[in-house]
Structures are given as structure tokens and as C-alpha cells.
């Protein structure tokens, strides 16, 4: 890696983390030599993903090709993965959203409320029209329904700009 690449890499990392990443890979692969951080992906599922390249010493059959380990770093942990498939399985399982996290989104909640109120009110209006009977819907329910629909669609149309 050139000095310019090293400087750019150093600017992306938190001080001291790069050394800890190298140490973690060295613990996983004690015979590894020439360890070098190749890339850093910041904002990777709430952490950073480091790619660390290294060589292994020559074996009985000759030189062993270069290896890569992925290192996932969060505020609390440093996890080393030798296989990308295993990395994706573990991190995918850790970072899947629960129902609570899904419902914590205000857009989802306002959409569910608007849909529920619409499903309850519209059939009553249709039924009153078909039977030619008068169903009295309190003004506060109608006003609330229109307020919720106006809020939901106004917010949705404002995002397009």
C-alpha cells in the first residue's frame, strides 16, 4: 500500500482501532505474516467492516497464497470472520429487524392507523348508502379520520421533493 493510501485509510479509522483489528486477526491466525488493512467500510450495519490481508509462511508444498479476513468492529466488539458467507449469516441474523423496531417507524404507524380507520368508516358509509338509511357518525370521528388521512398523505407527498 502506498503512503497516500495509508493516509486515506488512517483518516477513515478511529485511532487505535486499526491496531486492535490487526491484533484480533493475528490471534485468529497466529502464523500470519505481513498483515495489512486493505479497506475500511464505515457505516456497515452500525459498525465498520475492515478487510485485512495477510500471508502465511511457506509450507511443505511451497508458498501459500494470500488470505483475507473480514473484521466487523462495533463500539463494544471486534469480530473476525475468515469466510464471507459466515460473516453475512451471522451479521444478518444479528441485524434483522424485530416487530417492535418495524413499528417504531412513524410512517408505518401512521399508515396502519389511516388504513384501520378507513377500513372501519368506509364500509359504514357504503352500507348507509346501499340501505338508504342514515348512519350517524359522530363529527369527531369524521374529523379525526380526515386529519389522519391528511397528515399521512401530506407527509407522503412531501417526501417526493
C-alpha atoms as a PDB file:
ATOM      1  CA  UNK A   1       0.000   0.000   0.000  1.00  0.00           C
ATOM      2  CA  UNK A   2       1.310   3.440  -0.836  1.00  0.00           C
ATOM      3  CA  UNK A   3       1.747   6.223   1.678  1.00  0.00           C
ATOM      4  CA  UNK A   4      -1.225   8.118   0.195  1.00  0.00           C
ATOM      5  CA  UNK A   5      -3.401   5.008   0.623  1.00  0.00           C
ATOM      6  CA  UNK A   6      -2.203   4.596   4.195  1.00  0.00           C
ATOM      7  CA  UNK A   7      -3.013   8.237   4.972  1.00  0.00           C
ATOM      8  CA  UNK A   8      -6.511   7.934   3.461  1.00  0.00           C
ATOM      9  CA  UNK A   9      -7.088   4.718   5.385  1.00  0.00           C
ATOM     10  CA  UNK A  10      -5.886   6.295   8.627  1.00  0.00           C
ATOM     11  CA  UNK A  11      -8.328   9.195   8.150  1.00  0.00           C
ATOM     12  CA  UNK A  12     -11.271   6.757   7.992  1.00  0.00           C
ATOM     13  CA  UNK A  13     -10.464   4.824  11.151  1.00  0.00           C
ATOM     14  CA  UNK A  14     -10.775   5.654  14.816  1.00  0.00           C
ATOM     15  CA  UNK A  15      -7.349   5.987  16.472  1.00  0.00           C
ATOM     16  CA  UNK A  16      -6.202   2.699  17.969  1.00  0.00           C
ATOM     17  CA  UNK A  17      -8.859   0.579  16.272  1.00  0.00           C
ATOM     18  CA  UNK A  18      -6.629  -0.406  13.349  1.00  0.00           C
ATOM     19  CA  UNK A  19      -4.056  -1.854  15.745  1.00  0.00           C
ATOM     20  CA  UNK A  20      -6.775  -3.782  17.602  1.00  0.00           C
ATOM     21  CA  UNK A  21      -8.087  -5.127  14.295  1.00  0.00           C
ATOM     22  CA  UNK A  22      -4.617  -6.370  13.322  1.00  0.00           C
ATOM     23  CA  UNK A  23      -4.184  -7.942  16.778  1.00  0.00           C
ATOM     24  CA  UNK A  24      -7.550  -9.726  16.500  1.00  0.00           C
ATOM     25  CA  UNK A  25      -6.646 -11.198  13.095  1.00  0.00           C
ATOM     26  CA  UNK A  26      -3.237 -12.222  14.459  1.00  0.00           C
ATOM     27  CA  UNK A  27      -4.962 -14.047  17.373  1.00  0.00           C
ATOM     28  CA  UNK A  28      -7.196 -15.915  14.908  1.00  0.00           C
ATOM     29  CA  UNK A  29      -4.284 -16.722  12.585  1.00  0.00           C
ATOM     30  CA  UNK A  30      -1.132 -16.964  14.753  1.00  0.00           C
ATOM     31  CA  UNK A  31       1.132 -17.916  11.826  1.00  0.00           C
ATOM     32  CA  UNK A  32       0.014 -14.953   9.695  1.00  0.00           C
ATOM     33  CA  UNK A  33       2.671 -12.574   8.407  1.00  0.00           C
ATOM     34  CA  UNK A  34       2.580  -9.267   6.514  1.00  0.00           C
ATOM     35  CA  UNK A  35      -0.802  -8.244   7.940  1.00  0.00           C
ATOM     36  CA  UNK A  36      -2.257  -5.163   6.242  1.00  0.00           C
ATOM     37  CA  UNK A  37      -5.646  -3.438   6.321  1.00  0.00           C
ATOM     38  CA  UNK A  38      -6.806  -3.184   2.721  1.00  0.00           C
ATOM     39  CA  UNK A  39     -10.195  -1.497   3.043  1.00  0.00           C
ATOM     40  CA  UNK A  40     -12.494   0.017   5.643  1.00  0.00           C
ATOM     41  CA  UNK A  41     -16.230   0.277   5.110  1.00  0.00           C
ATOM     42  CA  UNK A  42     -17.637   2.736   7.592  1.00  0.00           C
ATOM     43  CA  UNK A  43     -21.346   2.671   8.497  1.00  0.00           C
ATOM     44  CA  UNK A  44     -21.623  -1.064   7.879  1.00  0.00           C
ATOM     45  CA  UNK A  45     -24.671  -2.277   9.862  1.00  0.00           C
ATOM     46  CA  UNK A  46     -23.951   0.072  12.720  1.00  0.00           C
ATOM     47  CA  UNK A  47     -20.211  -0.562  12.768  1.00  0.00           C
ATOM     48  CA  UNK A  48     -17.208  -0.740  10.456  1.00  0.00           C
ATOM     49  CA  UNK A  49     -16.026  -3.589   8.268  1.00  0.00           C
ATOM     50  CA  UNK A  50     -12.270  -3.969   7.822  1.00  0.00           C
ATOM     51  CA  UNK A  51     -10.651  -6.204   5.211  1.00  0.00           C
ATOM     52  CA  UNK A  52      -7.279  -7.459   6.431  1.00  0.00           C
ATOM     53  CA  UNK A  53      -4.921  -9.222   4.026  1.00  0.00           C
ATOM     54  CA  UNK A  54      -2.081 -11.436   5.178  1.00  0.00           C
ATOM     55  CA  UNK A  55       0.275 -14.162   4.017  1.00  0.00           C
ATOM     56  CA  UNK A  56       1.058 -17.487   5.579  1.00  0.00           C
ATOM     57  CA  UNK A  57       4.624 -18.788   5.789  1.00  0.00           C
ATOM     58  CA  UNK A  58       5.812 -21.221   3.139  1.00  0.00           C
ATOM     59  CA  UNK A  59       4.620 -24.735   3.840  1.00  0.00           C
ATOM     60  CA  UNK A  60       6.000 -28.096   2.831  1.00  0.00           C
ATOM     61  CA  UNK A  61       4.362 -27.787  -0.589  1.00  0.00           C
ATOM     62  CA  UNK A  62       5.567 -24.255  -1.292  1.00  0.00           C
ATOM     63  CA  UNK A  63       4.234 -20.738  -0.784  1.00  0.00           C
ATOM     64  CA  UNK A  64       0.669 -20.383   0.462  1.00  0.00           C
ATOM     65  CA  UNK A  65      -1.411 -17.715  -1.305  1.00  0.00           C
ATOM     66  CA  UNK A  66      -2.561 -14.516   0.388  1.00  0.00           C
ATOM     67  CA  UNK A  67      -5.603 -14.606   2.639  1.00  0.00           C
ATOM     68  CA  UNK A  68      -8.271 -12.093   3.635  1.00  0.00           C
ATOM     69  CA  UNK A  69     -10.206 -11.840   6.874  1.00  0.00           C
ATOM     70  CA  UNK A  70     -13.152  -9.547   7.440  1.00  0.00           C
ATOM     71  CA  UNK A  71     -13.283  -7.796  10.781  1.00  0.00           C
ATOM     72  CA  UNK A  72     -16.573  -6.302  11.994  1.00  0.00           C
ATOM     73  CA  UNK A  73     -15.992  -3.561  14.582  1.00  0.00           C
ATOM     74  CA  UNK A  74     -18.671  -2.003  16.791  1.00  0.00           C
ATOM     75  CA  UNK A  75     -18.311   0.207  19.854  1.00  0.00           C
ATOM     76  CA  UNK A  76     -18.127  -2.887  22.066  1.00  0.00           C
ATOM     77  CA  UNK A  77     -16.784  -5.752  19.950  1.00  0.00           C
ATOM     78  CA  UNK A  78     -14.248  -6.758  17.347  1.00  0.00           C
ATOM     79  CA  UNK A  79     -15.292  -9.917  15.483  1.00  0.00           C
ATOM     80  CA  UNK A  80     -13.034 -11.664  12.943  1.00  0.00           C
ATOM     81  CA  UNK A  81     -14.511 -13.728  10.100  1.00  0.00           C
ATOM     82  CA  UNK A  82     -12.457 -15.881   7.761  1.00  0.00           C
ATOM     83  CA  UNK A  83     -15.366 -16.666   5.458  1.00  0.00           C
ATOM     84  CA  UNK A  84     -17.630 -14.040   3.866  1.00  0.00           C
ATOM     85  CA  UNK A  85     -20.633 -16.375   3.845  1.00  0.00           C
ATOM     86  CA  UNK A  86     -20.330 -16.903   7.605  1.00  0.00           C
ATOM     87  CA  UNK A  87     -19.970 -13.134   8.098  1.00  0.00           C
ATOM     88  CA  UNK A  88     -23.199 -12.480   6.192  1.00  0.00           C
ATOM     89  CA  UNK A  89     -25.109 -15.221   8.043  1.00  0.00           C
ATOM     90  CA  UNK A  90     -24.059 -14.042  11.498  1.00  0.00           C
ATOM     91  CA  UNK A  91     -24.486 -10.322  10.862  1.00  0.00           C
ATOM     92  CA  UNK A  92     -27.766 -10.863   9.003  1.00  0.00           C
ATOM     93  CA  UNK A  93     -29.166 -12.750  11.988  1.00  0.00           C
ATOM     94  CA  UNK A  94     -27.946 -10.095  14.435  1.00  0.00           C
ATOM     95  CA  UNK A  95     -29.297  -7.150  12.480  1.00  0.00           C
ATOM     96  CA  UNK A  96     -32.694  -8.384  11.347  1.00  0.00           C
ATOM     97  CA  UNK A  97     -35.442  -6.045  12.485  1.00  0.00           C
ATOM     98  CA  UNK A  98     -37.899  -7.133  15.128  1.00  0.00           C
ATOM     99  CA  UNK A  99     -41.596  -6.284  15.012  1.00  0.00           C
ATOM    100  CA  UNK A 100     -41.027  -3.576  17.620  1.00  0.00           C
ATOM    101  CA  UNK A 101     -38.285  -1.933  15.510  1.00  0.00           C
ATOM    102  CA  UNK A 102     -40.556  -2.144  12.463  1.00  0.00           C
ATOM    103  CA  UNK A 103     -43.427  -0.454  14.310  1.00  0.00           C
ATOM    104  CA  UNK A 104     -41.115   2.209  15.782  1.00  0.00           C
ATOM    105  CA  UNK A 105     -41.108   3.857  12.347  1.00  0.00           C
ATOM    106  CA  UNK A 106     -43.644   6.721  12.433  1.00  0.00           C
ATOM    107  CA  UNK A 107     -44.543   6.264   8.772  1.00  0.00           C
ATOM    108  CA  UNK A 108     -45.590   2.667   9.383  1.00  0.00           C
ATOM    109  CA  UNK A 109     -47.714   3.555  12.412  1.00  0.00           C
ATOM    110  CA  UNK A 110     -49.493   6.446  10.700  1.00  0.00           C
ATOM    111  CA  UNK A 111     -50.154   4.229   7.676  1.00  0.00           C
ATOM    112  CA  UNK A 112     -51.615   1.463   9.850  1.00  0.00           C
ATOM    113  CA  UNK A 113     -53.842   3.940  11.704  1.00  0.00           C
ATOM    114  CA  UNK A 114     -55.047   5.515   8.460  1.00  0.00           C
ATOM    115  CA  UNK A 115     -55.782   2.097   6.977  1.00  0.00           C
ATOM    116  CA  UNK A 116     -57.590   0.845  10.101  1.00  0.00           C
ATOM    117  CA  UNK A 117     -59.780   3.935  10.405  1.00  0.00           C
ATOM    118  CA  UNK A 118     -60.556   3.842   6.675  1.00  0.00           C
ATOM    119  CA  UNK A 119     -61.478   0.150   6.833  1.00  0.00           C
ATOM    120  CA  UNK A 120     -63.854   0.910   9.719  1.00  0.00           C
ATOM    121  CA  UNK A 121     -65.502   4.074   8.357  1.00  0.00           C
ATOM    122  CA  UNK A 122     -65.827   3.491   4.597  1.00  0.00           C
ATOM    123  CA  UNK A 123     -67.964   0.325   4.882  1.00  0.00           C
ATOM    124  CA  UNK A 124     -70.341   2.127   7.232  1.00  0.00           C
ATOM    125  CA  UNK A 125     -70.799   4.908   4.651  1.00  0.00           C
ATOM    126  CA  UNK A 126     -71.317   2.347   1.882  1.00  0.00           C
ATOM    127  CA  UNK A 127     -73.833   0.416   3.972  1.00  0.00           C
ATOM    128  CA  UNK A 128     -75.801   3.580   4.720  1.00  0.00           C
ATOM    129  CA  UNK A 129     -75.868   4.469   1.010  1.00  0.00           C
ATOM    130  CA  UNK A 130     -76.988   0.979  -0.100  1.00  0.00           C
ATOM    131  CA  UNK A 131     -79.715   0.637   2.534  1.00  0.00           C
ATOM    132  CA  UNK A 132     -80.746   4.293   2.200  1.00  0.00           C
ATOM    133  CA  UNK A 133     -80.616   4.556   5.922  1.00  0.00           C
ATOM    134  CA  UNK A 134     -78.975   7.275   7.919  1.00  0.00           C
ATOM    135  CA  UNK A 135     -75.996   6.146   9.995  1.00  0.00           C
ATOM    136  CA  UNK A 136     -74.872   8.808  12.356  1.00  0.00           C
ATOM    137  CA  UNK A 137     -71.107   9.011  12.549  1.00  0.00           C
ATOM    138  CA  UNK A 138     -70.001  11.467  15.220  1.00  0.00           C
ATOM    139  CA  UNK A 139     -68.250  14.547  13.875  1.00  0.00           C
ATOM    140  CA  UNK A 140     -65.150  13.905  15.965  1.00  0.00           C
ATOM    141  CA  UNK A 141     -64.626  10.513  14.264  1.00  0.00           C
ATOM    142  CA  UNK A 142     -65.021  12.012  10.792  1.00  0.00           C
ATOM    143  CA  UNK A 143     -62.750  14.932  11.665  1.00  0.00           C
ATOM    144  CA  UNK A 144     -60.161  12.596  13.162  1.00  0.00           C
ATOM    145  CA  UNK A 145     -60.254  10.357  10.117  1.00  0.00           C
ATOM    146  CA  UNK A 146     -59.796  13.272   7.728  1.00  0.00           C
ATOM    147  CA  UNK A 147     -56.997  14.647   9.918  1.00  0.00           C
ATOM    148  CA  UNK A 148     -55.157  11.321   9.909  1.00  0.00           C
ATOM    149  CA  UNK A 149     -55.585  10.893   6.138  1.00  0.00           C
ATOM    150  CA  UNK A 150     -54.465  14.475   5.507  1.00  0.00           C
ATOM    151  CA  UNK A 151     -51.420  14.028   7.731  1.00  0.00           C
ATOM    152  CA  UNK A 152     -50.466  10.697   6.147  1.00  0.00           C
ATOM    153  CA  UNK A 153     -50.859  11.782   2.518  1.00  0.00           C
ATOM    154  CA  UNK A 154     -49.381  15.234   3.171  1.00  0.00           C
ATOM    155  CA  UNK A 155     -46.301  13.616   4.695  1.00  0.00           C
ATOM    156  CA  UNK A 156     -46.045  11.104   1.854  1.00  0.00           C
ATOM    157  CA  UNK A 157     -46.307  13.780  -0.850  1.00  0.00           C
ATOM    158  CA  UNK A 158     -43.731  15.997   0.899  1.00  0.00           C
ATOM    159  CA  UNK A 159     -41.081  13.251   0.633  1.00  0.00           C
ATOM    160  CA  UNK A 160     -41.049  13.363  -3.167  1.00  0.00           C
ATOM    161  CA  UNK A 161     -39.487  16.850  -3.239  1.00  0.00           C
END
